[in-house]
N, C-alpha and C. Protein backbone atom coordinates (compact mmCIF):
# COMPACT_ATOMS: atom_id res chain seq x y z
N VAL A 1 60.93 130.05 144.95
CA VAL A 1 60.57 130.41 143.59
C VAL A 1 61.81 130.39 142.70
N TYR A 2 62.91 130.99 143.19
CA TYR A 2 64.13 131.06 142.38
C TYR A 2 64.59 129.67 141.96
N LYS A 3 64.69 128.76 142.94
CA LYS A 3 65.19 127.43 142.63
C LYS A 3 64.23 126.66 141.74
N ARG A 4 62.91 126.87 141.95
CA ARG A 4 61.94 126.16 141.12
C ARG A 4 62.07 126.57 139.66
N GLN A 5 62.43 127.83 139.40
CA GLN A 5 62.60 128.30 138.03
C GLN A 5 63.69 127.54 137.29
N TYR A 6 64.69 127.13 138.05
CA TYR A 6 65.86 126.53 137.43
C TYR A 6 65.98 125.03 137.67
N GLN A 7 64.90 124.42 138.15
CA GLN A 7 64.95 122.98 138.35
C GLN A 7 65.09 122.27 137.02
N ARG A 8 65.91 121.28 137.01
CA ARG A 8 66.09 120.48 135.80
C ARG A 8 66.46 119.07 136.23
N ARG A 9 66.23 118.16 135.34
CA ARG A 9 66.57 116.77 135.64
C ARG A 9 68.08 116.58 135.53
N VAL A 10 68.57 115.82 136.44
CA VAL A 10 70.00 115.51 136.42
C VAL A 10 70.14 114.05 136.02
N HIS A 11 71.00 113.81 135.08
CA HIS A 11 71.25 112.45 134.62
C HIS A 11 72.69 112.10 134.99
N GLY A 12 72.83 111.11 135.83
CA GLY A 12 74.16 110.72 136.25
C GLY A 12 74.72 109.61 135.39
N ASP A 13 76.02 109.50 135.40
CA ASP A 13 76.69 108.39 134.72
C ASP A 13 76.79 107.23 135.69
N ILE A 14 76.40 106.06 135.27
CA ILE A 14 76.52 104.87 136.10
C ILE A 14 77.76 104.12 135.65
N VAL A 15 78.64 103.88 136.61
CA VAL A 15 79.91 103.22 136.31
C VAL A 15 80.03 102.00 137.22
N HIS A 16 80.42 100.91 136.65
CA HIS A 16 80.68 99.70 137.43
C HIS A 16 82.20 99.53 137.50
N ALA A 17 82.71 99.34 138.72
CA ALA A 17 84.15 99.21 138.88
C ALA A 17 84.45 98.20 139.97
N THR A 18 85.59 97.57 139.86
CA THR A 18 86.07 96.68 140.91
C THR A 18 87.08 97.48 141.72
N CYS A 19 86.86 97.52 143.02
CA CYS A 19 87.71 98.34 143.88
C CYS A 19 88.55 97.47 144.80
N SER A 20 89.75 97.94 145.08
CA SER A 20 90.60 97.27 146.06
C SER A 20 90.54 98.08 147.35
N ASP A 21 91.10 97.54 148.42
CA ASP A 21 90.97 98.23 149.70
C ASP A 21 91.79 99.52 149.80
N ASP A 22 92.65 99.79 148.82
CA ASP A 22 93.37 101.06 148.84
C ASP A 22 92.70 102.11 147.95
N ASN A 23 91.59 101.77 147.32
CA ASN A 23 90.83 102.73 146.53
C ASN A 23 89.92 103.54 147.45
N PHE A 24 89.51 104.70 146.97
CA PHE A 24 88.58 105.53 147.72
C PHE A 24 87.73 106.31 146.74
N ALA A 25 86.62 106.81 147.24
CA ALA A 25 85.73 107.66 146.43
C ALA A 25 85.43 108.91 147.24
N LEU A 26 85.32 110.01 146.55
CA LEU A 26 84.97 111.27 147.19
C LEU A 26 83.66 111.76 146.60
N VAL A 27 82.72 112.05 147.48
CA VAL A 27 81.47 112.70 147.08
C VAL A 27 81.57 114.11 147.65
N ALA A 28 81.58 115.10 146.77
CA ALA A 28 81.80 116.47 147.24
C ALA A 28 81.05 117.47 146.38
N CYS A 29 80.75 118.60 146.98
CA CYS A 29 80.10 119.67 146.21
C CYS A 29 81.17 120.48 145.48
N ASP A 30 80.73 121.34 144.60
CA ASP A 30 81.65 122.06 143.73
C ASP A 30 82.55 123.07 144.46
N GLY A 31 82.19 123.42 145.70
CA GLY A 31 83.03 124.35 146.45
C GLY A 31 84.43 123.82 146.70
N ILE A 32 84.57 122.51 146.74
CA ILE A 32 85.90 121.90 146.93
C ILE A 32 86.80 122.21 145.74
N PHE A 33 86.22 122.25 144.55
CA PHE A 33 87.00 122.30 143.32
C PHE A 33 87.20 123.70 142.76
N GLU A 34 86.90 124.74 143.56
CA GLU A 34 87.10 126.12 143.10
C GLU A 34 88.59 126.46 143.07
N ASN A 35 88.91 127.49 142.32
CA ASN A 35 90.25 128.07 142.28
C ASN A 35 91.34 127.07 141.89
N GLY A 36 91.03 126.25 140.90
CA GLY A 36 92.06 125.39 140.33
C GLY A 36 92.38 124.14 141.13
N PHE A 37 91.61 123.83 142.15
CA PHE A 37 91.80 122.60 142.91
C PHE A 37 91.04 121.52 142.14
N ASN A 38 91.68 120.99 141.10
CA ASN A 38 90.98 120.10 140.17
C ASN A 38 90.95 118.65 140.66
N ASN A 39 90.26 117.80 139.91
CA ASN A 39 90.10 116.40 140.30
C ASN A 39 91.43 115.71 140.60
N GLU A 40 92.41 115.91 139.72
CA GLU A 40 93.70 115.25 139.90
C GLU A 40 94.39 115.72 141.17
N GLN A 41 94.34 117.04 141.42
CA GLN A 41 94.98 117.59 142.62
C GLN A 41 94.28 117.11 143.90
N VAL A 42 92.95 117.08 143.87
CA VAL A 42 92.19 116.61 145.03
C VAL A 42 92.50 115.14 145.28
N THR A 43 92.55 114.33 144.22
CA THR A 43 92.85 112.91 144.36
C THR A 43 94.24 112.71 144.94
N GLN A 44 95.22 113.46 144.44
CA GLN A 44 96.59 113.35 144.94
C GLN A 44 96.66 113.80 146.40
N PHE A 45 95.96 114.89 146.72
CA PHE A 45 95.93 115.39 148.10
C PHE A 45 95.40 114.31 149.04
N LEU A 46 94.27 113.68 148.66
CA LEU A 46 93.67 112.65 149.51
C LEU A 46 94.56 111.41 149.61
N ALA A 47 95.14 110.99 148.49
CA ALA A 47 96.02 109.81 148.50
C ALA A 47 97.20 110.04 149.44
N THR A 48 97.77 111.23 149.39
CA THR A 48 98.90 111.57 150.27
C THR A 48 98.47 111.54 151.73
N GLN A 49 97.31 112.12 152.02
CA GLN A 49 96.80 112.15 153.39
C GLN A 49 96.48 110.74 153.89
N LEU A 50 95.86 109.92 153.04
CA LEU A 50 95.52 108.55 153.43
C LEU A 50 96.77 107.73 153.71
N ALA A 51 97.84 107.99 152.99
CA ALA A 51 99.09 107.25 153.17
C ALA A 51 99.71 107.52 154.54
N THR A 52 99.35 108.62 155.17
CA THR A 52 99.90 108.95 156.50
C THR A 52 99.27 108.12 157.60
N GLY A 53 98.13 107.48 157.29
CA GLY A 53 97.43 106.70 158.31
C GLY A 53 96.56 107.53 159.23
N SER A 54 96.35 108.80 158.88
CA SER A 54 95.52 109.67 159.71
C SER A 54 94.09 109.19 159.73
N GLU A 55 93.36 109.61 160.76
CA GLU A 55 91.93 109.30 160.85
C GLU A 55 91.22 109.91 159.64
N ILE A 56 90.23 109.20 159.13
CA ILE A 56 89.53 109.66 157.93
C ILE A 56 88.83 111.00 158.18
N THR A 57 88.33 111.20 159.39
CA THR A 57 87.70 112.48 159.73
C THR A 57 88.69 113.63 159.59
N GLU A 58 89.89 113.41 160.10
CA GLU A 58 90.93 114.44 160.02
C GLU A 58 91.32 114.72 158.57
N ILE A 59 91.32 113.68 157.75
CA ILE A 59 91.67 113.84 156.34
C ILE A 59 90.63 114.71 155.63
N VAL A 60 89.35 114.44 155.90
CA VAL A 60 88.30 115.26 155.28
C VAL A 60 88.39 116.70 155.76
N VAL A 61 88.65 116.90 157.04
CA VAL A 61 88.81 118.26 157.57
C VAL A 61 89.98 118.95 156.87
N SER A 62 91.08 118.23 156.67
CA SER A 62 92.23 118.85 156.00
C SER A 62 91.90 119.19 154.55
N LEU A 63 91.06 118.38 153.90
CA LEU A 63 90.61 118.69 152.54
C LEU A 63 89.78 119.97 152.52
N LEU A 64 88.87 120.11 153.47
CA LEU A 64 88.05 121.32 153.55
C LEU A 64 88.92 122.53 153.83
N ASP A 65 89.88 122.36 154.75
CA ASP A 65 90.81 123.46 155.06
C ASP A 65 91.62 123.87 153.83
N GLU A 66 92.05 122.88 153.06
CA GLU A 66 92.84 123.17 151.85
C GLU A 66 92.00 123.92 150.82
N ALA A 67 90.73 123.53 150.66
CA ALA A 67 89.85 124.25 149.73
C ALA A 67 89.69 125.70 150.18
N LEU A 68 89.53 125.92 151.48
CA LEU A 68 89.42 127.28 152.00
C LEU A 68 90.73 128.05 151.80
N ARG A 69 91.84 127.37 152.07
CA ARG A 69 93.15 128.01 151.91
C ARG A 69 93.36 128.48 150.47
N ARG A 70 92.83 127.71 149.53
CA ARG A 70 92.96 128.05 148.12
C ARG A 70 91.97 129.12 147.69
N GLY A 71 91.10 129.54 148.61
CA GLY A 71 90.22 130.66 148.32
C GLY A 71 88.79 130.31 147.95
N SER A 72 88.33 129.09 148.24
CA SER A 72 86.95 128.73 147.92
C SER A 72 86.01 129.64 148.70
N LYS A 73 85.02 130.19 148.00
CA LYS A 73 84.02 131.06 148.62
C LYS A 73 82.64 130.39 148.63
N ASP A 74 82.56 129.21 148.05
CA ASP A 74 81.30 128.48 147.97
C ASP A 74 81.17 127.58 149.20
N ASN A 75 79.97 127.03 149.41
CA ASN A 75 79.85 126.07 150.49
C ASN A 75 80.68 124.83 150.13
N ILE A 76 81.21 124.19 151.15
CA ILE A 76 82.05 123.02 150.90
C ILE A 76 81.57 121.86 151.77
N THR A 77 81.27 120.77 151.12
CA THR A 77 80.82 119.56 151.79
C THR A 77 81.52 118.39 151.13
N ALA A 78 81.95 117.44 151.92
CA ALA A 78 82.64 116.29 151.35
C ALA A 78 82.41 115.05 152.19
N MET A 79 82.36 113.91 151.51
CA MET A 79 82.28 112.61 152.16
C MET A 79 83.30 111.71 151.49
N LEU A 80 84.21 111.16 152.27
CA LEU A 80 85.26 110.29 151.76
C LEU A 80 84.90 108.85 152.09
N ILE A 81 84.91 108.01 151.07
CA ILE A 81 84.51 106.61 151.23
C ILE A 81 85.72 105.72 150.96
N GLN A 82 86.01 104.83 151.89
CA GLN A 82 87.08 103.85 151.71
C GLN A 82 86.44 102.49 151.46
N PHE A 83 87.11 101.67 150.69
CA PHE A 83 86.59 100.36 150.32
C PHE A 83 87.31 99.25 151.08
N LYS A 84 87.60 99.49 152.33
CA LYS A 84 88.28 98.50 153.16
C LYS A 84 87.25 97.61 153.84
N GLU A 85 87.70 96.45 154.26
CA GLU A 85 86.85 95.57 155.06
C GLU A 85 86.62 96.27 156.39
N GLY A 86 85.38 96.47 156.77
CA GLY A 86 85.11 97.32 157.92
C GLY A 86 84.43 96.68 159.09
N SER A 87 84.40 95.36 159.17
CA SER A 87 83.67 94.72 160.26
C SER A 87 84.29 95.00 161.63
N SER A 88 85.57 95.32 161.67
CA SER A 88 86.22 95.59 162.96
C SER A 88 86.19 97.06 163.34
N ILE A 89 85.63 97.89 162.48
CA ILE A 89 85.60 99.33 162.74
C ILE A 89 84.35 99.68 163.53
N THR A 90 84.55 100.38 164.63
CA THR A 90 83.44 100.85 165.44
C THR A 90 83.08 102.26 164.99
N PRO A 91 81.84 102.47 164.58
CA PRO A 91 81.45 103.82 164.15
C PRO A 91 81.61 104.81 165.30
N THR A 92 82.16 105.95 164.99
CA THR A 92 82.32 107.00 166.00
C THR A 92 81.76 108.30 165.45
N ARG A 93 81.44 109.17 166.36
CA ARG A 93 80.96 110.50 165.98
C ARG A 93 81.95 111.49 166.57
N GLN A 94 82.50 112.32 165.74
CA GLN A 94 83.51 113.26 166.18
C GLN A 94 83.10 114.66 165.75
N PHE A 95 83.11 115.59 166.69
CA PHE A 95 82.78 116.98 166.40
C PHE A 95 84.05 117.79 166.37
N LEU A 96 84.35 118.36 165.21
CA LEU A 96 85.56 119.17 165.04
C LEU A 96 85.16 120.58 164.64
N PRO A 97 84.99 121.49 165.60
CA PRO A 97 84.60 122.85 165.23
C PRO A 97 85.66 123.53 164.39
N GLY A 98 85.20 124.23 163.37
CA GLY A 98 86.11 124.93 162.47
C GLY A 98 86.54 126.28 163.00
N PRO A 99 87.30 127.02 162.20
CA PRO A 99 87.80 128.33 162.62
C PRO A 99 86.68 129.26 163.08
N PHE A 100 86.96 130.02 164.12
CA PHE A 100 85.98 130.97 164.66
C PHE A 100 86.68 132.30 164.92
N PHE A 101 86.13 133.34 164.33
CA PHE A 101 86.64 134.69 164.58
C PHE A 101 85.49 135.53 165.10
N LYS A 102 85.67 136.09 166.31
CA LYS A 102 84.57 136.78 166.98
C LYS A 102 84.07 137.99 166.22
N THR A 103 84.87 138.54 165.32
CA THR A 103 84.45 139.74 164.59
C THR A 103 83.61 139.43 163.35
N LYS A 104 83.32 138.16 163.11
CA LYS A 104 82.50 137.79 161.95
C LYS A 104 81.07 138.32 162.15
N PRO A 105 80.33 138.47 161.06
CA PRO A 105 78.96 138.99 161.16
C PRO A 105 78.02 138.08 161.95
N HIS A 106 76.90 138.65 162.36
CA HIS A 106 75.91 137.94 163.17
C HIS A 106 75.48 136.63 162.52
N ALA A 107 75.34 136.61 161.20
CA ALA A 107 74.91 135.39 160.50
C ALA A 107 75.92 134.26 160.71
N PHE A 108 77.21 134.59 160.76
CA PHE A 108 78.24 133.59 161.02
C PHE A 108 78.07 133.02 162.42
N TRP A 109 77.89 133.92 163.40
CA TRP A 109 77.68 133.48 164.78
C TRP A 109 76.46 132.56 164.86
N LYS A 110 75.38 132.98 164.23
CA LYS A 110 74.14 132.20 164.28
C LYS A 110 74.37 130.79 163.71
N ALA A 111 75.05 130.71 162.57
CA ALA A 111 75.34 129.40 161.96
C ALA A 111 76.22 128.56 162.88
N TYR A 112 77.19 129.20 163.52
CA TYR A 112 78.10 128.47 164.40
C TYR A 112 77.36 127.93 165.63
N VAL A 113 76.45 128.76 166.17
CA VAL A 113 75.63 128.34 167.31
C VAL A 113 74.78 127.13 166.92
N GLU A 114 74.18 127.18 165.74
CA GLU A 114 73.35 126.08 165.26
C GLU A 114 74.18 124.81 165.08
N MET A 115 75.40 124.96 164.58
CA MET A 115 76.29 123.82 164.40
C MET A 115 76.59 123.18 165.77
N ALA A 116 76.86 124.02 166.77
CA ALA A 116 77.14 123.51 168.11
C ALA A 116 75.92 122.77 168.68
N LYS A 117 74.74 123.35 168.47
CA LYS A 117 73.51 122.70 168.96
C LYS A 117 73.31 121.34 168.30
N LEU A 118 73.55 121.26 166.98
CA LEU A 118 73.41 119.98 166.28
C LEU A 118 74.37 118.93 166.84
N ALA A 119 75.53 119.39 167.28
CA ALA A 119 76.52 118.48 167.85
C ALA A 119 76.22 118.16 169.32
N GLY A 120 75.24 118.87 169.88
CA GLY A 120 74.86 118.62 171.28
C GLY A 120 75.79 119.24 172.29
N VAL A 121 76.44 120.35 171.91
CA VAL A 121 77.34 121.04 172.85
C VAL A 121 76.96 122.52 172.94
N THR A 122 77.33 123.13 174.04
CA THR A 122 77.13 124.56 174.20
C THR A 122 78.21 125.31 173.41
N MET A 123 78.01 126.59 173.24
CA MET A 123 79.04 127.37 172.56
C MET A 123 80.33 127.41 173.37
N GLY A 124 80.20 127.41 174.69
CA GLY A 124 81.40 127.37 175.52
C GLY A 124 82.21 126.10 175.29
N LYS A 125 81.52 124.97 175.26
CA LYS A 125 82.20 123.69 175.00
C LYS A 125 82.79 123.68 173.60
N CYS A 126 82.04 124.25 172.65
CA CYS A 126 82.52 124.35 171.28
C CYS A 126 83.82 125.15 171.21
N MET A 127 83.87 126.28 171.92
CA MET A 127 85.08 127.10 171.92
C MET A 127 86.23 126.39 172.64
N GLU A 128 85.91 125.61 173.67
CA GLU A 128 86.94 124.83 174.36
C GLU A 128 87.54 123.81 173.40
N LEU A 129 86.69 123.11 172.65
CA LEU A 129 87.17 122.13 171.67
C LEU A 129 88.00 122.82 170.59
N ARG A 130 87.54 123.99 170.14
CA ARG A 130 88.27 124.72 169.10
C ARG A 130 89.63 125.17 169.63
N PHE A 131 89.68 125.68 170.86
CA PHE A 131 90.93 126.12 171.49
C PHE A 131 91.94 124.97 171.52
N GLU A 132 91.47 123.78 171.92
CA GLU A 132 92.34 122.61 171.98
C GLU A 132 92.82 122.21 170.59
N ARG A 133 91.93 122.30 169.62
CA ARG A 133 92.29 121.94 168.24
C ARG A 133 93.34 122.90 167.67
N ILE A 134 93.19 124.18 167.94
CA ILE A 134 94.18 125.17 167.47
C ILE A 134 95.55 124.81 168.05
N GLN A 135 95.59 124.51 169.34
CA GLN A 135 96.86 124.15 169.97
C GLN A 135 97.47 122.89 169.34
N GLN A 136 96.62 121.90 169.06
CA GLN A 136 97.11 120.67 168.41
C GLN A 136 97.66 120.97 167.03
N GLU A 137 96.95 121.79 166.27
CA GLU A 137 97.39 122.10 164.90
C GLU A 137 98.67 122.91 164.90
N LEU A 138 98.84 123.78 165.89
CA LEU A 138 100.09 124.55 165.98
C LEU A 138 101.25 123.67 166.42
N ALA A 139 100.96 122.68 167.26
CA ALA A 139 102.02 121.77 167.72
C ALA A 139 102.47 120.83 166.60
N HIS A 140 101.55 120.47 165.72
CA HIS A 140 101.85 119.54 164.62
C HIS A 140 101.21 120.05 163.33
N PRO A 141 101.72 121.16 162.79
CA PRO A 141 101.08 121.72 161.58
C PRO A 141 101.28 120.82 160.36
N SER A 142 100.23 120.75 159.55
CA SER A 142 100.36 120.02 158.29
C SER A 142 101.09 120.90 157.30
N PRO A 143 101.64 120.33 156.23
CA PRO A 143 102.42 121.13 155.28
C PRO A 143 101.63 122.31 154.68
N ASN A 144 100.33 122.17 154.55
CA ASN A 144 99.54 123.23 153.94
C ASN A 144 98.82 124.10 154.97
N GLN A 145 99.17 123.96 156.24
CA GLN A 145 98.50 124.68 157.33
C GLN A 145 98.85 126.16 157.30
N ASN A 146 97.84 127.02 157.45
CA ASN A 146 98.06 128.46 157.55
C ASN A 146 98.31 128.79 159.02
N VAL A 147 99.57 128.71 159.42
CA VAL A 147 99.95 128.88 160.82
C VAL A 147 99.67 130.30 161.30
N GLU A 148 99.87 131.29 160.44
CA GLU A 148 99.59 132.67 160.83
C GLU A 148 98.13 132.86 161.21
N LEU A 149 97.24 132.27 160.44
CA LEU A 149 95.81 132.38 160.72
C LEU A 149 95.45 131.68 162.03
N LEU A 150 96.11 130.55 162.31
CA LEU A 150 95.88 129.87 163.59
C LEU A 150 96.32 130.73 164.76
N HIS A 151 97.48 131.39 164.63
CA HIS A 151 97.96 132.28 165.69
C HIS A 151 96.99 133.45 165.87
N GLU A 152 96.50 133.98 164.77
CA GLU A 152 95.53 135.08 164.84
C GLU A 152 94.26 134.64 165.58
N GLU A 153 93.79 133.45 165.27
CA GLU A 153 92.60 132.93 165.96
C GLU A 153 92.88 132.69 167.43
N LEU A 154 94.04 132.15 167.75
CA LEU A 154 94.41 131.84 169.13
C LEU A 154 94.51 133.11 169.98
N GLU A 155 94.95 134.23 169.38
CA GLU A 155 95.09 135.49 170.11
C GLU A 155 93.78 135.94 170.74
N GLN A 156 92.65 135.57 170.14
CA GLN A 156 91.35 135.96 170.69
C GLN A 156 91.14 135.43 172.11
N TYR A 157 91.80 134.31 172.43
CA TYR A 157 91.61 133.66 173.72
C TYR A 157 92.49 134.25 174.82
N GLY A 158 93.29 135.26 174.48
CA GLY A 158 94.18 135.85 175.46
C GLY A 158 95.15 134.81 175.99
N ASP A 159 95.28 134.76 177.32
CA ASP A 159 96.17 133.77 177.94
C ASP A 159 95.51 132.39 178.05
N GLY A 160 94.24 132.30 177.67
CA GLY A 160 93.53 131.03 177.77
C GLY A 160 93.15 130.75 179.22
N PRO A 161 92.52 129.61 179.45
CA PRO A 161 92.12 129.29 180.83
C PRO A 161 93.32 128.92 181.68
N ASP A 162 93.19 129.14 182.97
CA ASP A 162 94.22 128.74 183.91
C ASP A 162 94.42 127.23 183.79
N GLU A 163 95.67 126.78 183.83
CA GLU A 163 95.97 125.36 183.66
C GLU A 163 95.38 124.49 184.76
N THR A 164 95.01 125.09 185.90
CA THR A 164 94.44 124.30 186.99
C THR A 164 92.95 124.02 186.77
N LEU A 165 92.32 124.72 185.82
CA LEU A 165 90.90 124.49 185.57
C LEU A 165 90.71 123.20 184.78
N VAL A 166 89.76 122.37 185.23
CA VAL A 166 89.46 121.11 184.56
C VAL A 166 87.95 120.90 184.52
N GLY A 167 87.52 120.02 183.62
CA GLY A 167 86.12 119.62 183.56
C GLY A 167 85.16 120.78 183.33
N ASP A 168 84.06 120.77 184.10
CA ASP A 168 83.02 121.79 183.95
C ASP A 168 83.53 123.19 184.28
N THR A 169 84.47 123.29 185.22
CA THR A 169 85.02 124.60 185.60
C THR A 169 85.78 125.21 184.43
N ARG A 170 86.49 124.36 183.71
CA ARG A 170 87.23 124.82 182.53
C ARG A 170 86.25 125.24 181.43
N THR A 171 85.23 124.42 181.19
CA THR A 171 84.23 124.75 180.17
C THR A 171 83.52 126.05 180.53
N ASP A 172 83.27 126.27 181.82
CA ASP A 172 82.62 127.51 182.27
C ASP A 172 83.46 128.73 181.91
N TRP A 173 84.78 128.59 181.93
CA TRP A 173 85.67 129.70 181.54
C TRP A 173 85.37 130.09 180.09
N PHE A 174 85.19 129.10 179.23
CA PHE A 174 84.89 129.35 177.82
C PHE A 174 83.47 129.90 177.63
N GLU A 175 82.52 129.45 178.47
CA GLU A 175 81.16 130.00 178.41
C GLU A 175 81.19 131.50 178.70
N LYS A 176 81.97 131.89 179.72
CA LYS A 176 82.09 133.31 180.07
C LYS A 176 82.80 134.08 178.95
N LEU A 177 83.79 133.44 178.36
CA LEU A 177 84.51 134.09 177.26
C LEU A 177 83.58 134.37 176.08
N ILE A 178 82.77 133.40 175.69
CA ILE A 178 81.89 133.59 174.54
C ILE A 178 80.84 134.67 174.85
N SER A 179 80.37 134.74 176.10
CA SER A 179 79.42 135.80 176.49
C SER A 179 80.09 137.18 176.39
N ARG A 180 81.35 137.25 176.84
CA ARG A 180 82.09 138.51 176.74
C ARG A 180 82.29 138.92 175.29
N TRP A 181 82.63 137.97 174.42
CA TRP A 181 82.80 138.27 173.00
C TRP A 181 81.50 138.80 172.40
N GLN A 182 80.39 138.19 172.77
CA GLN A 182 79.10 138.65 172.23
C GLN A 182 78.82 140.08 172.66
N ARG A 183 79.12 140.41 173.91
CA ARG A 183 78.92 141.80 174.38
C ARG A 183 79.83 142.76 173.61
N GLU A 184 81.09 142.36 173.42
CA GLU A 184 82.05 143.21 172.69
C GLU A 184 81.60 143.46 171.25
N VAL A 185 81.17 142.39 170.59
CA VAL A 185 80.88 142.47 169.15
C VAL A 185 79.50 143.03 168.87
N PHE A 186 78.51 142.60 169.67
CA PHE A 186 77.12 142.98 169.38
C PHE A 186 76.54 143.92 170.41
N GLY A 187 77.37 144.49 171.28
CA GLY A 187 76.88 145.47 172.24
C GLY A 187 75.95 144.90 173.29
N GLY A 188 76.21 143.67 173.68
CA GLY A 188 75.44 143.09 174.77
C GLY A 188 74.20 142.34 174.37
N CYS A 189 73.93 142.20 173.07
CA CYS A 189 72.71 141.48 172.68
C CYS A 189 72.96 140.00 172.62
N GLY A 190 72.25 139.28 173.44
CA GLY A 190 72.16 137.85 173.27
C GLY A 190 73.24 137.02 173.91
N SER A 191 72.86 135.82 174.18
CA SER A 191 73.78 134.78 174.60
C SER A 191 73.70 133.69 173.56
N ASP A 192 74.40 132.58 173.77
CA ASP A 192 74.36 131.57 172.72
C ASP A 192 72.98 130.94 172.59
N ASP A 193 72.10 131.14 173.58
CA ASP A 193 70.76 130.59 173.48
C ASP A 193 69.78 131.51 172.77
N ASP A 194 70.10 132.79 172.66
CA ASP A 194 69.12 133.71 172.05
C ASP A 194 69.74 134.57 170.97
N SER A 195 70.68 133.99 170.24
CA SER A 195 71.38 134.77 169.21
C SER A 195 70.67 134.71 167.86
N ASP A 196 69.39 134.37 167.83
CA ASP A 196 68.63 134.31 166.58
C ASP A 196 68.34 135.69 166.03
């Protein structure tokens, strides 16, 4: 009902442009541009990141991280489009779980569980991927990386899994960890399958 009250027609501007392979376009929601992260700054940020030769997925993640670092409280979604010849590019699907703090409210946990399910992974596997990503980011922090926050997130994992654990045994360590966190935070209610 609320949204229907405020529905209105949107009229977009149609622009025709000739693009070179070093041009790019960003389709993003307004959460990216909160707190003074204006069009020019976002464009410069992306141009700088693209010049490093980083994977486009990593560049978009760094853009989202930068918007959060600047204090965006709105939802943030972005799609970066490059105008390069792409016949030699093999499409890939990459799941990069974002920051996770076990003390977040139940709604955060629920959204995170749903995100993991959409990616086709368990919460344990999701936490394993996140643990590895934190370590990578700490080993090679970007100039705008909040290293203190990464250390704070990493502390939740204690000493981490034993280095001898591999494969499913290693993932199982993270499955047990997430179950323990749920008991600590929610008093024993639910596992990643019944956290609705």
